[in-house]
């Protein structure tokens, strides 16, 4: 274009020519502001939205000549009212450029970026009223027609009990999962079973371990339920095609047993007893990433959008890894004991729930973008596992060492117990939720699996209860074997 020294695509949104030196962009004015967004993964979206939508207060300005960060208001453009419309517009653009991209005060930028790992500070400059806004968002969740919406804490007995002989009484293993195809997978020492509750079909996966004393330590279905990953001693990970009933991948990247598995698409995350976390793409022959974040990995959970991978360890910490750049995003000193229980609060952006083992016994909710704790409740018992029910927006926790070992919590902002699921006294090893989130399954040291139809419609629960209580029920519906 005539009269231009740069092509049109070399111009930023503010009209200044873009630097060709690198992807970060040239500096603007005296503020040292980058015009471009080099890392969207490090952008704190929640905090940016809060600052855009919150009017300024008297504490926000140190002097009268500082512009407001409340920039979503349209600036005046009528030159008859302003005297000089062009000058007003230029001033507005300068103020927006300064405060939106971080050239103003350190706590006034609307697009705040998280620092890199080697630049991260121990204290984060997050507005106090931002945390209040997150808590209000948690309090505003509708609890729907769940039975836990009552203010009185109810108790409920299981709707069905199955035998699980030889289930390992060990909190260091994760050997139960419920697939999207409504199939419950359970590992009993060196034997693995998949049970279809709706049709009463139980099949055994023909696993062949190397040594007589070897056993399965981790189990997990992929998102579409067609593949089953098994981690066993001493260091094998096998991925089974359940339709063909054969091994399609054999992974031996760990130096010890994989004790936790998590899927997201074709990506399988595995954590071992040495604290290593490996990322495997089932289409690639070798791991695509390897990190050591803990002394022992207790649990792995992908966020619902796949942006983060959360891990809990015996070192009492939670590590959050950003998946796009595969870097450590947060390391949170979460509890005073091992963090075995983790779950993402589906529907609540970037909110993670965690539970501490014996010696801590607290449930805590975290904002992973800021690393700050939102709420906490002490249960006076070790928390072994937890799940999030999306339909009713409730938290489910399994415990050891308390009268009520399976609890449903309502009101995420304050976590009040709403339902006690009783039926055993030795504690909970594992929990799983059905694909429609109407039925909860738990495994306990007494070698029993218990099922509760406690989250669905009343008519559906009544129909299922009548079917399960029928005296002509198949033997396969009364035992896992």
Protein backbone atom coordinates (compact mmCIF):
# COMPACT_ATOMS: atom_id res chain seq x y z
CA UNK A 1 0.00 0.00 0.00
CA UNK A 2 1.41 3.37 -0.98
CA UNK A 3 2.69 5.56 1.82
CA UNK A 4 3.31 2.67 4.18
CA UNK A 5 6.68 1.29 5.15
CA UNK A 6 5.09 -1.93 6.42
CA UNK A 7 2.48 -4.21 4.94
CA UNK A 8 -1.03 -4.09 6.50
CA UNK A 9 -0.55 -7.43 8.26
CA UNK A 10 2.44 -5.98 10.11
CA UNK A 11 0.23 -3.62 12.10
CA UNK A 12 -1.02 -4.32 15.59
CA UNK A 13 -4.48 -3.49 16.89
CA UNK A 14 -3.13 -0.12 18.07
CA UNK A 15 -1.79 0.90 14.67
CA UNK A 16 1.93 0.73 15.49
CA UNK A 17 4.22 -1.40 13.27
CA UNK A 18 4.88 -4.88 14.57
CA UNK A 19 8.41 -6.00 15.37
CA UNK A 20 9.92 -8.67 13.11
CA UNK A 21 12.54 -9.59 15.71
CA UNK A 22 10.43 -12.21 17.47
CA UNK A 23 7.02 -13.36 18.51
CA UNK A 24 6.86 -11.19 21.61
CA UNK A 25 6.55 -7.87 19.73
CA UNK A 26 8.00 -4.41 20.09
CA UNK A 27 7.67 -2.17 23.14
CA UNK A 28 5.16 0.68 23.32
CA UNK A 29 5.96 4.05 24.80
CA UNK A 30 7.79 4.27 28.10
CA UNK A 31 5.86 1.49 29.80
CA UNK A 32 7.63 -1.48 28.22
CA UNK A 33 4.37 -3.17 27.21
CA UNK A 34 4.25 -6.14 24.84
CA UNK A 35 1.56 -5.68 22.21
CA UNK A 36 1.20 -9.38 21.49
CA UNK A 37 0.01 -12.31 23.62
CA UNK A 38 2.88 -14.82 23.59
CA UNK A 39 1.29 -17.44 25.84
CA UNK A 40 -2.46 -17.81 26.00
CA UNK A 41 -2.00 -20.81 28.29
CA UNK A 42 -0.59 -18.56 31.02
CA UNK A 43 -3.47 -16.06 30.85
CA UNK A 44 -5.63 -16.01 33.98
CA UNK A 45 -9.05 -15.83 32.32
CA UNK A 46 -11.04 -15.72 35.56
CA UNK A 47 -9.07 -12.80 36.96
CA UNK A 48 -9.20 -10.94 33.62
CA UNK A 49 -12.99 -11.24 33.47
CA UNK A 50 -13.27 -10.06 37.07
CA UNK A 51 -11.21 -6.94 36.41
CA UNK A 52 -13.10 -6.11 33.24
CA UNK A 53 -16.52 -6.37 34.90
CA UNK A 54 -15.71 -4.78 38.27
CA UNK A 55 -16.07 -0.97 38.59
CA UNK A 56 -13.06 0.84 40.06
CA UNK A 57 -12.95 1.73 43.73
CA UNK A 58 -11.26 4.54 45.56
CA UNK A 59 -8.41 2.19 46.49
CA UNK A 60 -7.63 1.48 42.86
CA UNK A 61 -6.24 4.95 42.14
CA UNK A 62 -3.23 6.43 43.86
CA UNK A 63 -3.74 9.86 42.25
CA UNK A 64 -6.39 11.72 40.28
CA UNK A 65 -4.51 11.56 36.96
CA UNK A 66 -4.52 7.75 36.74
CA UNK A 67 -7.08 6.27 34.33
CA UNK A 68 -9.71 3.76 35.36
CA UNK A 69 -9.29 0.07 34.60
CA UNK A 70 -13.04 -0.19 34.01
CA UNK A 71 -12.42 -0.13 30.25
CA UNK A 72 -15.52 -1.87 28.94
CA UNK A 73 -17.34 1.49 28.97
CA UNK A 74 -17.39 3.22 25.57
CA UNK A 75 -15.38 6.48 25.57
CA UNK A 76 -17.09 9.73 24.52
CA UNK A 77 -16.74 10.50 20.83
CA UNK A 78 -18.95 13.58 20.37
CA UNK A 79 -16.58 16.47 19.69
CA UNK A 80 -19.33 19.01 20.54
CA UNK A 81 -19.50 17.62 24.08
CA UNK A 82 -15.80 16.97 24.59
CA UNK A 83 -14.31 19.90 22.75
CA UNK A 84 -11.85 17.70 20.91
CA UNK A 85 -13.14 14.23 20.05
CA UNK A 86 -9.92 13.05 18.43
CA UNK A 87 -7.86 13.99 21.44
CA UNK A 88 -10.30 12.20 23.80
CA UNK A 89 -10.16 9.07 21.63
CA UNK A 90 -6.35 9.11 21.59
CA UNK A 91 -6.26 9.51 25.36
CA UNK A 92 -8.68 6.61 25.75
CA UNK A 93 -6.55 4.35 23.53
CA UNK A 94 -3.47 5.28 25.52
CA UNK A 95 -5.17 4.48 28.80
CA UNK A 96 -6.58 1.19 27.50
CA UNK A 97 -3.19 0.21 26.08
CA UNK A 98 -1.46 1.05 29.34
CA UNK A 99 -3.80 -0.67 31.74
CA UNK A 100 -5.09 -3.59 29.68
CA UNK A 101 -1.66 -4.97 28.77
CA UNK A 102 0.07 -4.35 32.04
CA UNK A 103 1.96 -1.07 31.67
CA UNK A 104 0.25 0.50 34.66
CA UNK A 105 0.28 -0.74 38.21
CA UNK A 106 1.27 -4.38 38.71
CA UNK A 107 -2.17 -5.21 40.10
CA UNK A 108 -4.16 -3.17 37.59
CA UNK A 109 -3.62 -5.04 34.34
CA UNK A 110 -6.75 -6.57 32.87
CA UNK A 111 -4.84 -9.32 31.09
CA UNK A 112 -2.61 -10.63 33.90
CA UNK A 113 -0.22 -13.41 32.92
CA UNK A 114 1.11 -16.05 35.26
CA UNK A 115 4.93 -15.89 35.54
CA UNK A 116 7.13 -18.62 34.20
CA UNK A 117 8.19 -21.36 36.58
CA UNK A 118 11.56 -19.77 37.38
CA UNK A 119 9.92 -16.37 37.93
CA UNK A 120 6.97 -17.50 40.04
CA UNK A 121 6.65 -15.73 43.39
CA UNK A 122 5.42 -17.29 46.58
CA UNK A 123 2.82 -14.57 47.10
CA UNK A 124 0.41 -13.67 44.33
CA UNK A 125 -0.99 -10.14 43.99
CA UNK A 126 -4.63 -11.18 43.61
CA UNK A 127 -7.40 -8.82 44.74
CA UNK A 128 -9.15 -10.00 47.88
CA UNK A 129 -12.57 -9.20 46.41
CA UNK A 130 -11.73 -11.52 43.48
CA UNK A 131 -11.79 -14.48 45.86
CA UNK A 132 -15.11 -13.23 47.22
CA UNK A 133 -16.53 -13.22 43.69
CA UNK A 134 -15.44 -16.83 43.15
CA UNK A 135 -17.07 -17.88 46.42
CA UNK A 136 -20.29 -16.13 45.43
CA UNK A 137 -20.22 -18.05 42.14
CA UNK A 138 -19.92 -21.29 44.09
CA UNK A 139 -22.81 -20.27 46.35
CA UNK A 140 -24.99 -19.51 43.33
CA UNK A 141 -24.95 -23.09 42.03
CA UNK A 142 -28.40 -24.62 41.70
CA UNK A 143 -28.77 -27.89 43.57
CA UNK A 144 -31.72 -29.01 41.48
CA UNK A 145 -34.01 -31.78 42.69
CA UNK A 146 -31.34 -33.88 44.33
CA UNK A 147 -32.34 -35.68 47.53
CA UNK A 148 -29.53 -33.77 49.21
CA UNK A 149 -31.29 -30.44 48.74
CA UNK A 150 -32.96 -30.97 52.08
CA UNK A 151 -31.37 -29.21 55.04
CA UNK A 152 -31.46 -32.42 57.10
CA UNK A 153 -28.66 -34.92 56.59
CA UNK A 154 -30.16 -38.19 55.43
CA UNK A 155 -28.79 -41.71 55.64
CA UNK A 156 -29.18 -44.32 52.95
CA UNK A 157 -28.43 -48.01 52.60
CA UNK A 158 -26.99 -49.52 49.39
CA UNK A 159 -29.36 -50.70 46.66
CA UNK A 160 -27.12 -53.59 45.62
CA UNK A 161 -24.10 -55.45 47.04
CA UNK A 162 -21.62 -57.50 45.01
CA UNK A 163 -18.86 -59.84 46.11
CA UNK A 164 -15.31 -58.88 45.16
CA UNK A 165 -13.05 -61.64 46.53
CA UNK A 166 -9.35 -60.82 46.84
CA UNK A 167 -9.65 -57.10 46.23
CA UNK A 168 -6.43 -55.57 47.46
CA UNK A 169 -6.78 -53.63 50.74
CA UNK A 170 -4.22 -51.04 49.70
CA UNK A 171 -4.69 -47.30 49.30
CA UNK A 172 -1.65 -47.13 47.01
CA UNK A 173 -3.55 -48.76 44.12
CA UNK A 174 -6.34 -47.44 41.88
CA UNK A 175 -8.13 -50.49 40.51
CA UNK A 176 -11.75 -49.50 39.81
CA UNK A 177 -13.29 -47.42 37.02
CA UNK A 178 -16.65 -47.00 35.27
CA UNK A 179 -16.52 -46.57 31.49
CA UNK A 180 -18.65 -44.42 29.20
CA UNK A 181 -20.13 -47.69 27.85
CA UNK A 182 -21.56 -48.45 31.31
CA UNK A 183 -18.96 -51.10 32.13
CA UNK A 184 -17.37 -51.36 35.59
CA UNK A 185 -13.75 -52.50 35.56
CA UNK A 186 -12.19 -53.98 38.69
CA UNK A 187 -8.83 -55.62 39.35
CA UNK A 188 -8.69 -58.40 41.96
CA UNK A 189 -4.98 -59.03 42.51
CA UNK A 190 -3.81 -60.51 39.15
CA UNK A 191 -7.30 -60.89 37.62
CA UNK A 192 -9.31 -58.18 35.85
CA UNK A 193 -13.10 -58.23 35.29
CA UNK A 194 -15.43 -56.00 33.29
CA UNK A 195 -19.08 -56.06 34.33
CA UNK A 196 -22.03 -54.68 32.39
CA UNK A 197 -24.60 -53.89 35.03
CA UNK A 198 -27.46 -53.21 32.62
CA UNK A 199 -27.33 -56.63 30.93
CA UNK A 200 -25.68 -58.63 33.72
CA UNK A 201 -22.68 -59.65 31.61
CA UNK A 202 -19.32 -60.21 33.32
CA UNK A 203 -16.18 -60.91 31.27
CA UNK A 204 -12.64 -61.58 32.38
CA UNK A 205 -9.74 -59.85 30.68
CA UNK A 206 -7.10 -62.56 30.00
CA UNK A 207 -4.21 -60.77 31.69
CA UNK A 208 -0.99 -62.77 31.98
CA UNK A 209 1.51 -61.33 34.44
CA UNK A 210 5.17 -62.32 34.46
CA UNK A 211 5.62 -63.48 38.05
CA UNK A 212 3.28 -65.30 40.38
CA UNK A 213 3.35 -62.47 42.93
CA UNK A 214 2.65 -59.71 40.39
CA UNK A 215 -0.66 -57.87 40.56
CA UNK A 216 -2.52 -55.02 38.87
CA UNK A 217 -2.03 -51.64 40.55
CA UNK A 218 -3.89 -49.24 38.25
CA UNK A 219 -6.81 -49.42 35.85
CA UNK A 220 -8.57 -46.90 33.62
CA UNK A 221 -10.88 -46.77 30.59
CA UNK A 222 -10.27 -44.36 27.72
CA UNK A 223 -12.99 -41.72 27.05
CA UNK A 224 -15.02 -43.80 24.58
CA UNK A 225 -14.71 -46.97 26.65
CA UNK A 226 -13.12 -49.07 23.90
CA UNK A 227 -9.69 -49.35 25.52
CA UNK A 228 -8.64 -50.41 29.01
CA UNK A 229 -5.22 -49.46 30.42
CA UNK A 230 -3.69 -51.68 33.10
CA UNK A 231 -0.62 -50.86 35.16
CA UNK A 232 0.94 -53.84 36.93
CA UNK A 233 4.06 -54.86 38.79
CA UNK A 234 6.88 -54.64 38.19
CA UNK A 235 6.70 -51.92 35.50
CA UNK A 236 4.29 -52.87 32.70
CA UNK A 237 1.40 -50.87 31.23
CA UNK A 238 -0.87 -52.76 28.86
CA UNK A 239 -3.63 -51.22 26.76
CA UNK A 240 -6.36 -53.67 25.86
CA UNK A 241 -8.87 -53.48 23.03
CA UNK A 242 -12.02 -54.75 24.74
CA UNK A 243 -13.82 -55.65 21.54
CA UNK A 244 -10.99 -57.80 20.20
CA UNK A 245 -9.87 -58.69 23.73
CA UNK A 246 -6.18 -58.34 22.97
CA UNK A 247 -3.27 -56.05 23.89
CA UNK A 248 -2.80 -53.27 21.33
CA UNK A 249 -0.06 -51.34 23.18
CA UNK A 250 2.58 -52.42 25.67
CA UNK A 251 4.35 -49.56 27.46
CA UNK A 252 7.52 -50.06 29.48
CA UNK A 253 8.76 -46.53 30.11
CA UNK A 254 8.61 -46.64 33.92
CA UNK A 255 11.32 -48.02 36.18
CA UNK A 256 8.69 -49.17 38.71
CA UNK A 257 4.98 -49.90 38.83
CA UNK A 258 2.46 -47.36 37.55
CA UNK A 259 0.01 -46.73 40.39
CA UNK A 260 -2.30 -44.17 38.74
CA UNK A 261 -3.66 -43.71 35.21
CA UNK A 262 -5.70 -40.97 33.54
CA UNK A 263 -6.99 -40.59 29.99
CA UNK A 264 -7.73 -37.55 27.83
CA UNK A 265 -8.46 -38.41 24.22
CA UNK A 266 -5.56 -40.47 22.89
CA UNK A 267 -3.26 -39.26 25.67
CA UNK A 268 -2.61 -41.55 28.65
CA UNK A 269 -0.97 -40.12 31.76
CA UNK A 270 0.70 -42.57 34.14
CA UNK A 271 2.25 -41.92 37.54
CA UNK A 272 4.56 -44.32 39.35
CA UNK A 273 5.86 -45.04 42.85
CA UNK A 274 9.03 -42.99 42.22
CA UNK A 275 7.05 -39.80 41.58
CA UNK A 276 7.46 -39.78 37.80
CA UNK A 277 4.60 -38.81 35.48
CA UNK A 278 4.74 -39.96 31.86
CA UNK A 279 2.52 -38.81 29.01
CA UNK A 280 1.88 -41.36 26.28
CA UNK A 281 0.17 -40.86 22.95
CA UNK A 282 -1.28 -44.20 21.88
CA UNK A 283 -0.24 -43.31 18.33
CA UNK A 284 3.43 -42.86 19.28
CA UNK A 285 5.92 -45.57 20.29
CA UNK A 286 7.61 -43.60 23.09
CA UNK A 287 6.43 -41.18 25.82
CA UNK A 288 5.90 -37.63 24.64
CA UNK A 289 6.80 -36.14 28.05
CA UNK A 290 8.34 -37.24 31.35
CA UNK A 291 8.34 -35.24 34.59
CA UNK A 292 9.12 -35.88 38.25
CA UNK A 293 6.79 -33.82 40.42
CA UNK A 294 6.37 -35.97 43.57
CA UNK A 295 8.05 -38.59 45.70
CA UNK A 296 5.08 -40.90 44.98
CA UNK A 297 2.15 -40.20 42.66
CA UNK A 298 -1.14 -41.03 44.38
CA UNK A 299 -3.65 -39.76 41.83
CA UNK A 300 -3.94 -38.17 38.40
CA UNK A 301 -6.86 -36.15 37.01
CA UNK A 302 -7.26 -34.28 33.71
CA UNK A 303 -9.40 -31.17 33.80
CA UNK A 304 -12.68 -31.47 31.84
CA UNK A 305 -11.37 -29.22 29.06
CA UNK A 306 -8.04 -31.06 28.93
CA UNK A 307 -6.06 -27.90 29.67
CA UNK A 308 -4.54 -29.10 32.95
CA UNK A 309 -3.30 -32.32 34.50
CA UNK A 310 -3.56 -32.40 38.30
CA UNK A 311 -1.53 -34.83 40.40
CA UNK A 312 -1.53 -35.52 44.13
CA UNK A 313 1.43 -37.07 45.92
CA UNK A 314 2.68 -38.47 49.18
CA UNK A 315 4.73 -35.29 49.58
CA UNK A 316 1.46 -33.48 50.51
CA UNK A 317 1.46 -31.34 47.37
CA UNK A 318 -0.73 -30.87 44.31
CA UNK A 319 0.98 -30.21 40.98
CA UNK A 320 -0.87 -28.63 38.07
CA UNK A 321 0.68 -29.05 34.63
CA UNK A 322 -0.41 -26.95 31.68
CA UNK A 323 -0.86 -29.39 28.80
CA UNK A 324 -0.40 -27.09 25.80
CA UNK A 325 3.16 -26.21 26.78
CA UNK A 326 3.62 -29.20 29.13
CA UNK A 327 5.07 -27.07 31.88
CA UNK A 328 4.54 -26.92 35.62
CA UNK A 329 1.80 -24.34 36.11
CA UNK A 330 1.28 -24.53 39.90
CA UNK A 331 2.74 -26.51 42.79
CA UNK A 332 0.47 -26.15 45.81
CA UNK A 333 1.42 -27.26 49.36
CA UNK A 334 -2.11 -28.55 49.79
CA UNK A 335 -2.30 -30.75 52.90
CA UNK A 336 -0.37 -32.12 55.87
CA UNK A 337 -0.50 -35.70 54.59
CA UNK A 338 -0.69 -37.65 51.34
CA UNK A 339 -3.10 -36.25 48.75
CA UNK A 340 -4.93 -39.35 47.52
CA UNK A 341 -8.26 -37.72 46.64
CA UNK A 342 -8.58 -35.31 43.70
CA UNK A 343 -11.44 -34.28 41.46
CA UNK A 344 -12.22 -31.39 39.14
CA UNK A 345 -15.45 -29.53 39.79
CA UNK A 346 -17.04 -29.91 36.36
CA UNK A 347 -18.96 -26.80 35.37
CA UNK A 348 -16.86 -24.59 37.67
CA UNK A 349 -13.98 -23.20 35.66
CA UNK A 350 -10.54 -24.09 37.08
CA UNK A 351 -11.83 -25.32 40.46
CA UNK A 352 -10.13 -28.42 41.93
CA UNK A 353 -11.15 -30.31 45.07
CA UNK A 354 -8.64 -32.28 47.15
CA UNK A 355 -8.67 -34.40 50.31
CA UNK A 356 -5.96 -35.22 52.83
CA UNK A 357 -5.27 -38.65 54.28
CA UNK A 358 -5.08 -39.54 57.99
CA UNK A 359 -3.29 -36.79 59.86
CA UNK A 360 -4.99 -34.08 57.83
CA UNK A 361 -8.57 -35.11 56.96
CA UNK A 362 -9.59 -31.83 55.34
CA UNK A 363 -11.44 -31.16 52.09
CA UNK A 364 -10.22 -28.10 50.23
CA UNK A 365 -11.28 -26.33 47.04
CA UNK A 366 -8.65 -24.53 44.98
CA UNK A 367 -8.55 -22.04 42.14
CA UNK A 368 -5.75 -23.51 40.04
CA UNK A 369 -5.18 -20.26 38.12
CA UNK A 370 -4.11 -18.41 41.25
CA UNK A 371 -3.18 -21.37 43.45
CA UNK A 372 -5.36 -19.94 46.23
CA UNK A 373 -7.65 -21.90 48.55
CA UNK A 374 -11.35 -21.08 48.24
CA UNK A 375 -12.87 -23.10 51.07
CA UNK A 376 -12.00 -25.84 53.58
CA UNK A 377 -13.81 -28.25 55.88
CA UNK A 378 -12.30 -30.66 58.42
CA UNK A 379 -13.75 -34.19 58.44
CA UNK A 380 -11.66 -35.69 61.29
CA UNK A 381 -10.98 -38.75 59.10
CA UNK A 382 -8.70 -39.77 56.29
CA UNK A 383 -10.07 -39.04 52.82
CA UNK A 384 -9.24 -41.83 50.40
CA UNK A 385 -11.13 -40.83 47.24
CA UNK A 386 -13.60 -38.30 45.85
CA UNK A 387 -15.79 -37.61 42.83
CA UNK A 388 -17.83 -34.68 41.51
CA UNK A 389 -21.46 -35.13 40.49
CA UNK A 390 -22.09 -32.70 37.65
CA UNK A 391 -25.87 -33.16 37.52
CA UNK A 392 -26.41 -32.03 41.11
CA UNK A 393 -23.14 -30.09 41.57
CA UNK A 394 -22.21 -32.10 44.67
CA UNK A 395 -19.01 -33.59 46.01
CA UNK A 396 -18.73 -37.27 46.97
CA UNK A 397 -15.98 -38.35 49.37
CA UNK A 398 -14.80 -41.72 50.65
CA UNK A 399 -13.26 -41.99 54.14
CA UNK A 400 -11.54 -44.29 56.60
CA UNK A 401 -11.77 -44.01 60.37
CA UNK A 402 -15.21 -42.46 60.77
CA UNK A 403 -18.81 -43.49 61.36
CA UNK A 404 -19.96 -42.36 57.91
CA UNK A 405 -17.43 -43.49 55.32
CA UNK A 406 -19.22 -42.24 52.22
CA UNK A 407 -20.59 -38.69 52.24
CA UNK A 408 -22.33 -36.47 49.70
CA UNK A 409 -21.64 -32.75 50.20
CA UNK A 410 -23.83 -29.91 48.95
CA UNK A 411 -23.16 -26.16 48.65
CA UNK A 412 -19.60 -26.11 47.22
CA UNK A 413 -18.84 -22.74 48.79
CA UNK A 414 -19.20 -24.12 52.34
CA UNK A 415 -19.45 -27.92 51.91
CA UNK A 416 -22.32 -29.09 54.11
CA UNK A 417 -22.95 -32.87 54.39
CA UNK A 418 -26.23 -33.73 52.70
CA UNK A 419 -26.32 -37.52 52.50
CA UNK A 420 -24.60 -40.36 54.35
CA UNK A 421 -24.27 -43.58 52.34
CA UNK A 422 -23.92 -46.31 54.95
CA UNK A 423 -23.44 -50.03 54.57
CA UNK A 424 -19.94 -50.93 55.70
CA UNK A 425 -17.66 -50.04 58.59
CA UNK A 426 -14.10 -50.59 57.37
CA UNK A 427 -13.77 -47.57 55.11
CA UNK A 428 -13.76 -46.87 51.38
CA UNK A 429 -11.01 -47.88 48.96
CA UNK A 430 -12.42 -46.70 45.62
CA UNK A 431 -15.48 -44.93 44.19
CA UNK A 432 -16.83 -44.66 40.64
CA UNK A 433 -19.81 -42.91 39.07
CA UNK A 434 -21.99 -44.22 36.25
CA UNK A 435 -21.91 -42.41 32.88
CA UNK A 436 -25.33 -40.83 33.50
CA UNK A 437 -24.19 -39.94 37.04
CA UNK A 438 -27.23 -41.55 38.62
CA UNK A 439 -25.48 -44.47 40.34
CA UNK A 440 -22.48 -44.52 42.65
CA UNK A 441 -20.26 -47.59 43.18
CA UNK A 442 -17.83 -48.07 46.07
CA UNK A 443 -15.29 -50.75 46.95
CA UNK A 444 -14.32 -51.53 50.54
CA UNK A 445 -11.86 -53.77 52.41
CA UNK A 446 -14.63 -56.24 53.31
CA UNK A 447 -14.44 -57.43 49.66
CA UNK A 448 -17.79 -55.90 48.72
CA UNK A 449 -18.89 -53.50 46.01
CA UNK A 450 -21.92 -51.41 46.95
CA UNK A 451 -24.16 -49.54 44.53
CA UNK A 452 -26.41 -46.59 45.35
CA UNK A 453 -29.07 -45.24 42.97
CA UNK A 454 -29.13 -41.93 44.78
CA UNK A 455 -28.71 -39.25 42.11
CA UNK A 456 -31.31 -40.06 39.46
CA UNK A 457 -35.00 -39.41 38.95
CA UNK A 458 -37.29 -40.98 41.57
CA UNK A 459 -39.19 -43.07 38.98
CA UNK A 460 -35.94 -44.41 37.51
CA UNK A 461 -34.59 -45.30 40.94
CA UNK A 462 -37.79 -47.10 41.87
CA UNK A 463 -37.72 -49.15 38.66
CA UNK A 464 -34.06 -50.12 39.16
CA UNK A 465 -34.64 -51.00 42.80
CA UNK A 466 -37.53 -53.34 41.93
CA UNK A 467 -35.43 -55.03 39.26
CA UNK A 468 -32.44 -55.52 41.53
CA UNK A 469 -34.62 -56.85 44.34
CA UNK A 470 -36.28 -59.48 42.20
CA UNK A 471 -35.78 -63.05 43.48
CA UNK A 472 -35.13 -64.23 39.91
CA UNK A 473 -32.11 -61.96 39.49
CA UNK A 474 -29.22 -63.69 37.72
CA UNK A 475 -26.28 -64.86 39.79
CA UNK A 476 -24.04 -62.61 37.69
CA UNK A 477 -25.93 -59.63 39.15
CA UNK A 478 -25.09 -60.78 42.66
CA UNK A 479 -21.36 -61.31 42.27
CA UNK A 480 -18.51 -59.78 40.30
CA UNK A 481 -17.28 -63.26 39.43
